[in-house]
Amino acid sequence: MADKDGRKRSNIKYGMDVAIVLKEDQSTGYLTYGKVQKILTNSPTHPHGIKVRLNTGEVGRVKEIL
């Protein structure tokens, strides 16, 4: 089974279903679901989650890999 940690870039692939937190939802923790279109974080890990763009154009940090 794939590792579900959204803080590691190596776990995230294009087209994968993920739950992200948008910048404006960071205070509430509201999750937005979609497919990864682009991985925006270059470093191998990030403590708050890897930043991605969804197919919808929304950008946020990965909290869950579905």
PDB file of N, CA and C in Angstrom:
ATOM      1  N   MET A   1       0.845  -1.194   0.000  1.00  0.00           N
ATOM      2  CA  MET A   1       0.000   0.000   0.000  1.00  0.00           C
ATOM      3  C   MET A   1       0.885   1.251   0.000  1.00  0.00           C
ATOM      4  N   ALA A   2       0.491   2.235  -0.782  1.00  0.00           N
ATOM      5  CA  ALA A   2       1.280   3.467  -0.904  1.00  0.00           C
ATOM      6  C   ALA A   2       1.264   4.246   0.411  1.00  0.00           C
ATOM      7  N   ASP A   3       2.356   4.939   0.664  1.00  0.00           N
ATOM      8  CA  ASP A   3       2.463   5.788   1.846  1.00  0.00           C
ATOM      9  C   ASP A   3       1.481   6.962   1.701  1.00  0.00           C
ATOM     10  N   LYS A   4       0.727   7.245   2.743  1.00  0.00           N
ATOM     11  CA  LYS A   4      -0.322   8.274   2.679  1.00  0.00           C
ATOM     12  C   LYS A   4       0.134   9.621   3.231  1.00  0.00           C
ATOM     13  N   ASP A   5       1.438   9.783   3.487  1.00  0.00           N
ATOM     14  CA  ASP A   5       1.945  11.024   4.080  1.00  0.00           C
ATOM     15  C   ASP A   5       2.075  12.114   3.016  1.00  0.00           C
ATOM     16  N   GLY A   6       1.240  13.159   3.127  1.00  0.00           N
ATOM     17  CA  GLY A   6       1.246  14.265   2.170  1.00  0.00           C
ATOM     18  C   GLY A   6       2.407  15.226   2.352  1.00  0.00           C
ATOM     19  N   ARG A   7       3.284  14.956   3.344  1.00  0.00           N
ATOM     20  CA  ARG A   7       4.434  15.828   3.570  1.00  0.00           C
ATOM     21  C   ARG A   7       5.666  15.376   2.787  1.00  0.00           C
ATOM     22  N   LYS A   8       5.568  14.222   2.126  1.00  0.00           N
ATOM     23  CA  LYS A   8       6.692  13.709   1.341  1.00  0.00           C
ATOM     24  C   LYS A   8       6.371  13.781  -0.142  1.00  0.00           C
ATOM     25  N   ARG A   9       7.199  14.505  -0.889  1.00  0.00           N
ATOM     26  CA  ARG A   9       6.965  14.719  -2.319  1.00  0.00           C
ATOM     27  C   ARG A   9       6.934  13.401  -3.093  1.00  0.00           C
ATOM     28  N   SER A  10       7.767  12.442  -2.669  1.00  0.00           N
ATOM     29  CA  SER A  10       7.873  11.158  -3.375  1.00  0.00           C
ATOM     30  C   SER A  10       6.569  10.350  -3.327  1.00  0.00           C
ATOM     31  N   ASN A  11       5.675  10.675  -2.395  1.00  0.00           N
ATOM     32  CA  ASN A  11       4.398   9.947  -2.268  1.00  0.00           C
ATOM     33  C   ASN A  11       3.336  10.465  -3.219  1.00  0.00           C
ATOM     34  N   ILE A  12       3.576  11.633  -3.840  1.00  0.00           N
ATOM     35  CA  ILE A  12       2.545  12.302  -4.629  1.00  0.00           C
ATOM     36  C   ILE A  12       2.866  12.172  -6.116  1.00  0.00           C
ATOM     37  N   LYS A  13       1.856  11.718  -6.870  1.00  0.00           N
ATOM     38  CA  LYS A  13       2.031  11.525  -8.309  1.00  0.00           C
ATOM     39  C   LYS A  13       0.934  12.299  -9.052  1.00  0.00           C
ATOM     40  N   TYR A  14       1.223  12.644 -10.298  1.00  0.00           N
ATOM     41  CA  TYR A  14       0.226  13.323 -11.131  1.00  0.00           C
ATOM     42  C   TYR A  14      -1.010  12.440 -11.300  1.00  0.00           C
ATOM     43  N   GLY A  15      -2.196  13.069 -11.251  1.00  0.00           N
ATOM     44  CA  GLY A  15      -3.442  12.342 -11.446  1.00  0.00           C
ATOM     45  C   GLY A  15      -3.968  11.640 -10.206  1.00  0.00           C
ATOM     46  N   MET A  16      -3.225  11.722  -9.104  1.00  0.00           N
ATOM     47  CA  MET A  16      -3.602  11.066  -7.858  1.00  0.00           C
ATOM     48  C   MET A  16      -4.739  11.844  -7.168  1.00  0.00           C
ATOM     49  N   ASP A  17      -5.647  11.112  -6.523  1.00  0.00           N
ATOM     50  CA  ASP A  17      -6.713  11.760  -5.743  1.00  0.00           C
ATOM     51  C   ASP A  17      -6.157  12.163  -4.386  1.00  0.00           C
ATOM     52  N   VAL A  18      -6.324  13.452  -4.036  1.00  0.00           N
ATOM     53  CA  VAL A  18      -5.806  13.972  -2.770  1.00  0.00           C
ATOM     54  C   VAL A  18      -6.823  14.914  -2.121  1.00  0.00           C
ATOM     55  N   ALA A  19      -6.598  15.202  -0.847  1.00  0.00           N
ATOM     56  CA  ALA A  19      -7.344  16.233  -0.120  1.00  0.00           C
ATOM     57  C   ALA A  19      -6.332  17.313   0.240  1.00  0.00           C
ATOM     58  N   ILE A  20      -6.646  18.559  -0.121  1.00  0.00           N
ATOM     59  CA  ILE A  20      -5.737  19.665   0.165  1.00  0.00           C
ATOM     60  C   ILE A  20      -6.429  20.708   1.032  1.00  0.00           C
ATOM     61  N   VAL A  21      -5.615  21.533   1.682  1.00  0.00           N
ATOM     62  CA  VAL A  21      -6.124  22.704   2.395  1.00  0.00           C
ATOM     63  C   VAL A  21      -5.694  23.926   1.587  1.00  0.00           C
ATOM     64  N   LEU A  22      -6.688  24.701   1.152  1.00  0.00           N
ATOM     65  CA  LEU A  22      -6.409  25.944   0.428  1.00  0.00           C
ATOM     66  C   LEU A  22      -5.900  26.986   1.414  1.00  0.00           C
ATOM     67  N   LYS A  23      -5.157  27.980   0.916  1.00  0.00           N
ATOM     68  CA  LYS A  23      -4.606  29.040   1.767  1.00  0.00           C
ATOM     69  C   LYS A  23      -5.707  29.679   2.631  1.00  0.00           C
ATOM     70  N   GLU A  24      -6.844  29.986   2.005  1.00  0.00           N
ATOM     71  CA  GLU A  24      -7.922  30.664   2.740  1.00  0.00           C
ATOM     72  C   GLU A  24      -8.630  29.738   3.735  1.00  0.00           C
ATOM     73  N   ASP A  25      -8.395  28.428   3.645  1.00  0.00           N
ATOM     74  CA  ASP A  25      -9.030  27.470   4.554  1.00  0.00           C
ATOM     75  C   ASP A  25      -8.092  26.980   5.649  1.00  0.00           C
ATOM     76  N   GLN A  26      -6.868  27.542   5.722  1.00  0.00           N
ATOM     77  CA  GLN A  26      -5.904  27.052   6.709  1.00  0.00           C
ATOM     78  C   GLN A  26      -6.401  27.229   8.138  1.00  0.00           C
ATOM     79  N   SER A  27      -7.156  28.305   8.406  1.00  0.00           N
ATOM     80  CA  SER A  27      -7.640  28.550   9.764  1.00  0.00           C
ATOM     81  C   SER A  27      -8.718  27.545  10.174  1.00  0.00           C
ATOM     82  N   THR A  28      -9.528  27.081   9.202  1.00  0.00           N
ATOM     83  CA  THR A  28     -10.613  26.148   9.512  1.00  0.00           C
ATOM     84  C   THR A  28     -10.202  24.694   9.292  1.00  0.00           C
ATOM     85  N   GLY A  29      -9.189  24.461   8.435  1.00  0.00           N
ATOM     86  CA  GLY A  29      -8.790  23.097   8.121  1.00  0.00           C
ATOM     87  C   GLY A  29      -9.716  22.425   7.132  1.00  0.00           C
ATOM     88  N   TYR A  30     -10.583  23.206   6.461  1.00  0.00           N
ATOM     89  CA  TYR A  30     -11.516  22.669   5.471  1.00  0.00           C
ATOM     90  C   TYR A  30     -10.753  22.030   4.315  1.00  0.00           C
ATOM     91  N   LEU A  31     -11.121  20.803   3.942  1.00  0.00           N
ATOM     92  CA  LEU A  31     -10.411  20.072   2.889  1.00  0.00           C
ATOM     93  C   LEU A  31     -11.128  20.192   1.554  1.00  0.00           C
ATOM     94  N   THR A  32     -10.333  20.319   0.499  1.00  0.00           N
ATOM     95  CA  THR A  32     -10.822  20.351  -0.872  1.00  0.00           C
ATOM     96  C   THR A  32     -10.262  19.111  -1.567  1.00  0.00           C
ATOM     97  N   TYR A  33     -11.119  18.381  -2.279  1.00  0.00           N
ATOM     98  CA  TYR A  33     -10.710  17.124  -2.901  1.00  0.00           C
ATOM     99  C   TYR A  33     -10.558  17.288  -4.407  1.00  0.00           C
ATOM    100  N   GLY A  34      -9.568  16.582  -4.971  1.00  0.00           N
ATOM    101  CA  GLY A  34      -9.378  16.625  -6.411  1.00  0.00           C
ATOM    102  C   GLY A  34      -8.189  15.797  -6.843  1.00  0.00           C
ATOM    103  N   LYS A  35      -7.863  15.917  -8.135  1.00  0.00           N
ATOM    104  CA  LYS A  35      -6.732  15.192  -8.716  1.00  0.00           C
ATOM    105  C   LYS A  35      -5.556  16.131  -8.908  1.00  0.00           C
ATOM    106  N   VAL A  36      -4.342  15.632  -8.649  1.00  0.00           N
ATOM    107  CA  VAL A  36      -3.126  16.434  -8.786  1.00  0.00           C
ATOM    108  C   VAL A  36      -2.851  16.713 -10.264  1.00  0.00           C
ATOM    109  N   GLN A  37      -2.756  18.005 -10.604  1.00  0.00           N
ATOM    110  CA  GLN A  37      -2.364  18.401 -11.954  1.00  0.00           C
ATOM    111  C   GLN A  37      -0.875  18.719 -12.002  1.00  0.00           C
ATOM    112  N   LYS A  38      -0.382  19.387 -10.946  1.00  0.00           N
ATOM    113  CA  LYS A  38       1.020  19.799 -10.917  1.00  0.00           C
ATOM    114  C   LYS A  38       1.504  19.810  -9.473  1.00  0.00           C
ATOM    115  N   ILE A  39       2.751  19.385  -9.270  1.00  0.00           N
ATOM    116  CA  ILE A  39       3.379  19.438  -7.943  1.00  0.00           C
ATOM    117  C   ILE A  39       4.215  20.714  -7.903  1.00  0.00           C
ATOM    118  N   LEU A  40       3.922  21.596  -6.956  1.00  0.00           N
ATOM    119  CA  LEU A  40       4.552  22.919  -6.918  1.00  0.00           C
ATOM    120  C   LEU A  40       5.738  23.001  -5.956  1.00  0.00           C
ATOM    121  N   THR A  41       5.772  22.129  -4.951  1.00  0.00           N
ATOM    122  CA  THR A  41       6.888  22.144  -3.990  1.00  0.00           C
ATOM    123  C   THR A  41       8.072  21.402  -4.599  1.00  0.00           C
ATOM    124  N   ASN A  42       9.247  22.022  -4.569  1.00  0.00           N
ATOM    125  CA  ASN A  42      10.445  21.388  -5.120  1.00  0.00           C
ATOM    126  C   ASN A  42      11.200  20.546  -4.104  1.00  0.00           C
ATOM    127  N   SER A  43      11.121  20.903  -2.812  1.00  0.00           N
ATOM    128  CA  SER A  43      11.884  20.166  -1.797  1.00  0.00           C
ATOM    129  C   SER A  43      11.255  18.785  -1.572  1.00  0.00           C
ATOM    130  N   PRO A  44      12.046  17.799  -1.125  1.00  0.00           N
ATOM    131  CA  PRO A  44      11.525  16.437  -0.949  1.00  0.00           C
ATOM    132  C   PRO A  44      10.459  16.313   0.139  1.00  0.00           C
ATOM    133  N   THR A  45      10.502  17.208   1.149  1.00  0.00           N
ATOM    134  CA  THR A  45       9.487  17.173   2.206  1.00  0.00           C
ATOM    135  C   THR A  45       9.098  18.607   2.572  1.00  0.00           C
ATOM    136  N   HIS A  46       7.925  18.752   3.199  1.00  0.00           N
ATOM    137  CA  HIS A  46       7.490  20.044   3.732  1.00  0.00           C
ATOM    138  C   HIS A  46       6.631  19.758   4.962  1.00  0.00           C
ATOM    139  N   PRO A  47       6.893  20.447   6.089  1.00  0.00           N
ATOM    140  CA  PRO A  47       6.184  20.118   7.339  1.00  0.00           C
ATOM    141  C   PRO A  47       4.672  20.321   7.289  1.00  0.00           C
ATOM    142  N   HIS A  48       4.175  21.204   6.399  1.00  0.00           N
ATOM    143  CA  HIS A  48       2.732  21.460   6.322  1.00  0.00           C
ATOM    144  C   HIS A  48       2.074  20.753   5.148  1.00  0.00           C
ATOM    145  N   GLY A  49       2.854  19.989   4.393  1.00  0.00           N
ATOM    146  CA  GLY A  49       2.304  19.280   3.234  1.00  0.00           C
ATOM    147  C   GLY A  49       2.871  19.840   1.938  1.00  0.00           C
ATOM    148  N   ILE A  50       2.957  18.985   0.937  1.00  0.00           N
ATOM    149  CA  ILE A  50       3.478  19.379  -0.371  1.00  0.00           C
ATOM    150  C   ILE A  50       2.424  20.222  -1.088  1.00  0.00           C
ATOM    151  N   LYS A  51       2.843  21.332  -1.663  1.00  0.00           N
ATOM    152  CA  LYS A  51       1.908  22.211  -2.372  1.00  0.00           C
ATOM    153  C   LYS A  51       1.676  21.681  -3.781  1.00  0.00           C
ATOM    154  N   VAL A  52       0.397  21.552  -4.145  1.00  0.00           N
ATOM    155  CA  VAL A  52       0.021  21.051  -5.474  1.00  0.00           C
ATOM    156  C   VAL A  52      -1.074  21.922  -6.083  1.00  0.00           C
ATOM    157  N   ARG A  53      -1.211  21.813  -7.409  1.00  0.00           N
ATOM    158  CA  ARG A  53      -2.350  22.416  -8.117  1.00  0.00           C
ATOM    159  C   ARG A  53      -3.252  21.278  -8.553  1.00  0.00           C
ATOM    160  N   LEU A  54      -4.554  21.412  -8.283  1.00  0.00           N
ATOM    161  CA  LEU A  54      -5.531  20.407  -8.708  1.00  0.00           C
ATOM    162  C   LEU A  54      -5.967  20.687 -10.143  1.00  0.00           C
ATOM    163  N   ASN A  55      -6.658  19.716 -10.755  1.00  0.00           N
ATOM    164  CA  ASN A  55      -7.180  19.885 -12.113  1.00  0.00           C
ATOM    165  C   ASN A  55      -8.131  21.071 -12.215  1.00  0.00           C
ATOM    166  N   THR A  56      -8.724  21.461 -11.093  1.00  0.00           N
ATOM    167  CA  THR A  56      -9.657  22.593 -11.059  1.00  0.00           C
ATOM    168  C   THR A  56      -8.921  23.930 -11.036  1.00  0.00           C
ATOM    169  N   GLY A  57      -7.585  23.877 -10.846  1.00  0.00           N
ATOM    170  CA  GLY A  57      -6.785  25.099 -10.766  1.00  0.00           C
ATOM    171  C   GLY A  57      -6.551  25.562  -9.337  1.00  0.00           C
ATOM    172  N   GLU A  58      -7.187  24.902  -8.364  1.00  0.00           N
ATOM    173  CA  GLU A  58      -7.011  25.282  -6.958  1.00  0.00           C
ATOM    174  C   GLU A  58      -5.641  24.828  -6.475  1.00  0.00           C
ATOM    175  N   VAL A  59      -5.018  25.651  -5.624  1.00  0.00           N
ATOM    176  CA  VAL A  59      -3.694  25.362  -5.098  1.00  0.00           C
ATOM    177  C   VAL A  59      -3.762  25.235  -3.589  1.00  0.00           C
ATOM    178  N   GLY A  60      -3.120  24.195  -3.061  1.00  0.00           N
ATOM    179  CA  GLY A  60      -3.084  24.024  -1.616  1.00  0.00           C
ATOM    180  C   GLY A  60      -2.088  22.949  -1.233  1.00  0.00           C
ATOM    181  N   ARG A  61      -2.012  22.687   0.072  1.00  0.00           N
ATOM    182  CA  ARG A  61      -1.066  21.701   0.580  1.00  0.00           C
ATOM    183  C   ARG A  61      -1.781  20.377   0.862  1.00  0.00           C
ATOM    184  N   VAL A  62      -1.142  19.288   0.466  1.00  0.00           N
ATOM    185  CA  VAL A  62      -1.737  17.947   0.600  1.00  0.00           C
ATOM    186  C   VAL A  62      -1.814  17.548   2.078  1.00  0.00           C
ATOM    187  N   LYS A  63      -3.017  17.241   2.526  1.00  0.00           N
ATOM    188  CA  LYS A  63      -3.250  16.759   3.890  1.00  0.00           C
ATOM    189  C   LYS A  63      -3.528  15.263   3.891  1.00  0.00           C
ATOM    190  N   GLU A  64      -4.156  14.751   2.835  1.00  0.00           N
ATOM    191  CA  GLU A  64      -4.462  13.321   2.748  1.00  0.00           C
ATOM    192  C   GLU A  64      -4.252  12.858   1.313  1.00  0.00           C
ATOM    193  N   ILE A  65      -3.720  11.637   1.205  1.00  0.00           N
ATOM    194  CA  ILE A  65      -3.650  10.975  -0.101  1.00  0.00           C
ATOM    195  C   ILE A  65      -4.734   9.911  -0.073  1.00  0.00           C
ATOM    196  N   LEU A  66      -5.648   9.967  -1.030  1.00  0.00           N
ATOM    197  CA  LEU A  66      -6.838   9.091  -1.003  1.00  0.00           C
ATOM    198  C   LEU A  66      -6.610   7.793  -1.775  1.00  0.00           C
TER     199      LEU A  66
END
